[in-house]
Amino acid sequence: MIRICLGVLALSALSIGLPASFAPETFYTDYPFYTALVKLLPPYNEHLITDVGGLYLGFSLMLIWATIKPTRQLVVPLCWGWIIAQALHFAFHIGHLTGFTTSQAVGQTIGLGLYVLIALIPIVMLRRG
């Protein structure tokens, strides 16, 4: 279960990091998956988007590493770092839903909340183990 959670987080980080780093304007206009939610929070800023993409690629590397070799010393601080980043991301988006349809707002809120919950699972499992 720990590896599954880490793998899911790694894939989600890659799905953000790759387009944000290498196609920032497309990331802005189409992400996630052609729903254009990022575009609802203007203005476009290539520098900021590529910086965020790089951070997500860094998380991707660490999450892939932890998926392959899930030691407590790696997984726990990595998951806490992810939780901090995603909790702040979640909090921002909860306060900035203007322009979103109800289904977009609900979907985004659930998705961002899941990022936090999925990262808690390995921490809890490693505390018990």
C-alpha atoms as a PDB file:
ATOM      1  CA  MET A   1       0.000   0.000   0.000  1.00  0.00           C
ATOM      2  CA  ILE A   2       2.896   2.371   0.756  1.00  0.00           C
ATOM      3  CA  ARG A   3       4.338   1.862  -2.725  1.00  0.00           C
ATOM      4  CA  ILE A   4       0.937   2.344  -4.338  1.00  0.00           C
ATOM      5  CA  CYS A   5       0.420   5.668  -2.548  1.00  0.00           C
ATOM      6  CA  LEU A   6       3.908   6.871  -3.429  1.00  0.00           C
ATOM      7  CA  GLY A   7       3.462   5.766  -7.036  1.00  0.00           C
ATOM      8  CA  VAL A   8       0.159   7.626  -7.338  1.00  0.00           C
ATOM      9  CA  LEU A   9       1.773  10.776  -5.935  1.00  0.00           C
ATOM     10  CA  ALA A  10       4.765  10.367  -8.277  1.00  0.00           C
ATOM     11  CA  LEU A  11       2.476  10.099 -11.301  1.00  0.00           C
ATOM     12  CA  SER A  12       0.468  13.119 -10.193  1.00  0.00           C
ATOM     13  CA  ALA A  13       3.661  15.135  -9.677  1.00  0.00           C
ATOM     14  CA  LEU A  14       4.906  14.112 -13.135  1.00  0.00           C
ATOM     15  CA  SER A  15       1.563  15.069 -14.679  1.00  0.00           C
ATOM     16  CA  ILE A  16       2.097  18.588 -13.337  1.00  0.00           C
ATOM     17  CA  GLY A  17       5.876  18.871 -13.565  1.00  0.00           C
ATOM     18  CA  LEU A  18       6.383  17.790 -17.166  1.00  0.00           C
ATOM     19  CA  PRO A  19       3.894  20.104 -18.888  1.00  0.00           C
ATOM     20  CA  ALA A  20       4.581  23.010 -16.517  1.00  0.00           C
ATOM     21  CA  SER A  21       8.333  22.743 -17.138  1.00  0.00           C
ATOM     22  CA  PHE A  22       8.369  22.082 -20.862  1.00  0.00           C
ATOM     23  CA  ALA A  23       5.094  23.548 -22.159  1.00  0.00           C
ATOM     24  CA  PRO A  24       4.161  26.279 -19.667  1.00  0.00           C
ATOM     25  CA  GLU A  25       1.709  28.109 -21.918  1.00  0.00           C
ATOM     26  CA  THR A  26      -0.119  24.872 -22.737  1.00  0.00           C
ATOM     27  CA  PHE A  27      -0.108  24.034 -19.022  1.00  0.00           C
ATOM     28  CA  TYR A  28      -1.743  27.408 -18.364  1.00  0.00           C
ATOM     29  CA  THR A  29      -4.360  27.152 -21.114  1.00  0.00           C
ATOM     30  CA  ASP A  30      -5.254  23.446 -20.911  1.00  0.00           C
ATOM     31  CA  TYR A  31      -4.309  21.903 -17.542  1.00  0.00           C
ATOM     32  CA  PRO A  32      -5.509  19.627 -16.067  1.00  0.00           C
ATOM     33  CA  PHE A  33      -6.225  17.336 -18.985  1.00  0.00           C
ATOM     34  CA  TYR A  34      -7.770  19.999 -21.221  1.00  0.00           C
ATOM     35  CA  THR A  35     -10.163  21.343 -18.581  1.00  0.00           C
ATOM     36  CA  ALA A  36      -8.331  24.715 -18.458  1.00  0.00           C
ATOM     37  CA  LEU A  37      -8.683  25.197 -14.696  1.00  0.00           C
ATOM     38  CA  VAL A  38      -5.285  26.906 -14.370  1.00  0.00           C
ATOM     39  CA  LYS A  39      -6.422  29.552 -16.859  1.00  0.00           C
ATOM     40  CA  LEU A  40      -9.208  30.511 -14.445  1.00  0.00           C
ATOM     41  CA  LEU A  41      -6.535  32.038 -12.177  1.00  0.00           C
ATOM     42  CA  PRO A  42      -4.809  34.663 -14.366  1.00  0.00           C
ATOM     43  CA  PRO A  43      -2.444  36.145 -15.307  1.00  0.00           C
ATOM     44  CA  TYR A  44      -0.158  33.790 -17.225  1.00  0.00           C
ATOM     45  CA  ASN A  45       3.396  33.842 -15.828  1.00  0.00           C
ATOM     46  CA  GLU A  46       5.890  31.623 -17.656  1.00  0.00           C
ATOM     47  CA  HIS A  47       8.558  32.082 -14.986  1.00  0.00           C
ATOM     48  CA  LEU A  48       6.293  31.043 -12.136  1.00  0.00           C
ATOM     49  CA  ILE A  49       4.832  28.085 -14.036  1.00  0.00           C
ATOM     50  CA  THR A  50       8.253  26.701 -15.047  1.00  0.00           C
ATOM     51  CA  ASP A  51       9.544  27.142 -11.478  1.00  0.00           C
ATOM     52  CA  VAL A  52       6.566  25.213 -10.113  1.00  0.00           C
ATOM     53  CA  GLY A  53       7.096  22.583 -12.796  1.00  0.00           C
ATOM     54  CA  GLY A  54      10.691  22.137 -11.674  1.00  0.00           C
ATOM     55  CA  LEU A  55       9.615  21.722  -8.066  1.00  0.00           C
ATOM     56  CA  TYR A  56       7.086  19.070  -9.061  1.00  0.00           C
ATOM     57  CA  LEU A  57       9.737  17.266 -11.124  1.00  0.00           C
ATOM     58  CA  GLY A  58      11.961  17.291  -8.034  1.00  0.00           C
ATOM     59  CA  PHE A  59       9.131  15.784  -6.001  1.00  0.00           C
ATOM     60  CA  SER A  60       8.603  13.257  -8.821  1.00  0.00           C
ATOM     61  CA  LEU A  61      12.184  12.053  -8.589  1.00  0.00           C
ATOM     62  CA  MET A  62      12.016  11.657  -4.825  1.00  0.00           C
ATOM     63  CA  LEU A  63       8.613   9.955  -4.950  1.00  0.00           C
ATOM     64  CA  ILE A  64       9.815   7.499  -7.606  1.00  0.00           C
ATOM     65  CA  TRP A  65      12.910   6.801  -5.519  1.00  0.00           C
ATOM     66  CA  ALA A  66      10.766   6.244  -2.429  1.00  0.00           C
ATOM     67  CA  THR A  67       8.441   3.965  -4.414  1.00  0.00           C
ATOM     68  CA  ILE A  68      11.397   1.788  -5.390  1.00  0.00           C
ATOM     69  CA  LYS A  69      13.056   1.855  -1.970  1.00  0.00           C
ATOM     70  CA  PRO A  70      10.481   2.909   0.645  1.00  0.00           C
ATOM     71  CA  THR A  71      12.597   3.414   3.761  1.00  0.00           C
ATOM     72  CA  ARG A  72      11.097   5.199   6.748  1.00  0.00           C
ATOM     73  CA  GLN A  73      13.959   7.727   6.660  1.00  0.00           C
ATOM     74  CA  LEU A  74      13.013   8.735   3.115  1.00  0.00           C
ATOM     75  CA  VAL A  75       9.244   8.264   3.030  1.00  0.00           C
ATOM     76  CA  VAL A  76       8.222  10.098   6.203  1.00  0.00           C
ATOM     77  CA  PRO A  77       9.967  13.449   5.573  1.00  0.00           C
ATOM     78  CA  LEU A  78       9.129  13.267   1.866  1.00  0.00           C
ATOM     79  CA  CYS A  79       5.438  12.748   2.607  1.00  0.00           C
ATOM     80  CA  TRP A  80       5.425  15.536   5.203  1.00  0.00           C
ATOM     81  CA  GLY A  81       7.056  17.872   2.667  1.00  0.00           C
ATOM     82  CA  TRP A  82       4.415  16.892   0.113  1.00  0.00           C
ATOM     83  CA  ILE A  83       1.628  17.403   2.672  1.00  0.00           C
ATOM     84  CA  ILE A  84       2.858  20.901   3.535  1.00  0.00           C
ATOM     85  CA  ALA A  85       3.035  21.898  -0.136  1.00  0.00           C
ATOM     86  CA  GLN A  86      -0.337  20.367  -0.984  1.00  0.00           C
ATOM     87  CA  ALA A  87      -2.120  21.700   2.123  1.00  0.00           C
ATOM     88  CA  LEU A  88      -1.029  25.229   1.182  1.00  0.00           C
ATOM     89  CA  HIS A  89      -2.071  24.572  -2.427  1.00  0.00           C
ATOM     90  CA  PHE A  90      -5.451  23.277  -1.207  1.00  0.00           C
ATOM     91  CA  ALA A  91      -5.956  26.295   1.082  1.00  0.00           C
ATOM     92  CA  PHE A  92      -5.213  28.723  -1.753  1.00  0.00           C
ATOM     93  CA  HIS A  93      -7.680  27.078  -4.093  1.00  0.00           C
ATOM     94  CA  ILE A  94     -10.456  26.908  -1.492  1.00  0.00           C
ATOM     95  CA  GLY A  95     -10.269  30.694  -1.302  1.00  0.00           C
ATOM     96  CA  HIS A  96     -10.106  31.260  -5.055  1.00  0.00           C
ATOM     97  CA  LEU A  97     -13.069  29.566  -6.702  1.00  0.00           C
ATOM     98  CA  THR A  98     -14.474  32.578  -8.571  1.00  0.00           C
ATOM     99  CA  GLY A  99     -15.132  31.647 -12.186  1.00  0.00           C
ATOM    100  CA  PHE A 100     -15.258  27.911 -11.496  1.00  0.00           C
ATOM    101  CA  THR A 101     -18.437  25.976 -12.162  1.00  0.00           C
ATOM    102  CA  THR A 102     -19.782  23.987  -9.227  1.00  0.00           C
ATOM    103  CA  SER A 103     -18.512  20.733 -10.711  1.00  0.00           C
ATOM    104  CA  GLN A 104     -15.063  22.234 -11.371  1.00  0.00           C
ATOM    105  CA  ALA A 105     -14.854  23.593  -7.820  1.00  0.00           C
ATOM    106  CA  VAL A 106     -15.972  20.305  -6.263  1.00  0.00           C
ATOM    107  CA  GLY A 107     -13.699  18.210  -8.472  1.00  0.00           C
ATOM    108  CA  GLN A 108     -10.683  20.399  -7.826  1.00  0.00           C
ATOM    109  CA  THR A 109     -11.310  20.487  -4.077  1.00  0.00           C
ATOM    110  CA  ILE A 110     -11.677  16.713  -3.846  1.00  0.00           C
ATOM    111  CA  GLY A 111      -8.601  16.138  -6.005  1.00  0.00           C
ATOM    112  CA  LEU A 112      -6.396  18.489  -4.015  1.00  0.00           C
ATOM    113  CA  GLY A 113      -7.662  17.039  -0.736  1.00  0.00           C
ATOM    114  CA  LEU A 114      -6.827  13.535  -1.935  1.00  0.00           C
ATOM    115  CA  TYR A 115      -3.210  14.587  -2.510  1.00  0.00           C
ATOM    116  CA  VAL A 116      -2.946  15.296   1.220  1.00  0.00           C
ATOM    117  CA  LEU A 117      -4.795  12.170   2.338  1.00  0.00           C
ATOM    118  CA  ILE A 118      -2.821   9.836   0.071  1.00  0.00           C
ATOM    119  CA  ALA A 119       0.450  11.175   1.503  1.00  0.00           C
ATOM    120  CA  LEU A 120      -0.778  10.552   5.063  1.00  0.00           C
ATOM    121  CA  ILE A 121      -1.279   6.830   4.434  1.00  0.00           C
ATOM    122  CA  PRO A 122       2.435   5.904   4.221  1.00  0.00           C
ATOM    123  CA  ILE A 123       3.195   7.975   7.329  1.00  0.00           C
ATOM    124  CA  VAL A 124       0.494   6.207   9.333  1.00  0.00           C
ATOM    125  CA  MET A 125       1.513   2.792   8.030  1.00  0.00           C
ATOM    126  CA  LEU A 126       5.175   3.364   8.886  1.00  0.00           C
ATOM    127  CA  ARG A 127       4.270   4.527  12.409  1.00  0.00           C
ATOM    128  CA  ARG A 128       2.504   1.221  12.989  1.00  0.00           C
ATOM    129  CA  GLY A 129       5.218  -0.899  11.391  1.00  0.00           C
END
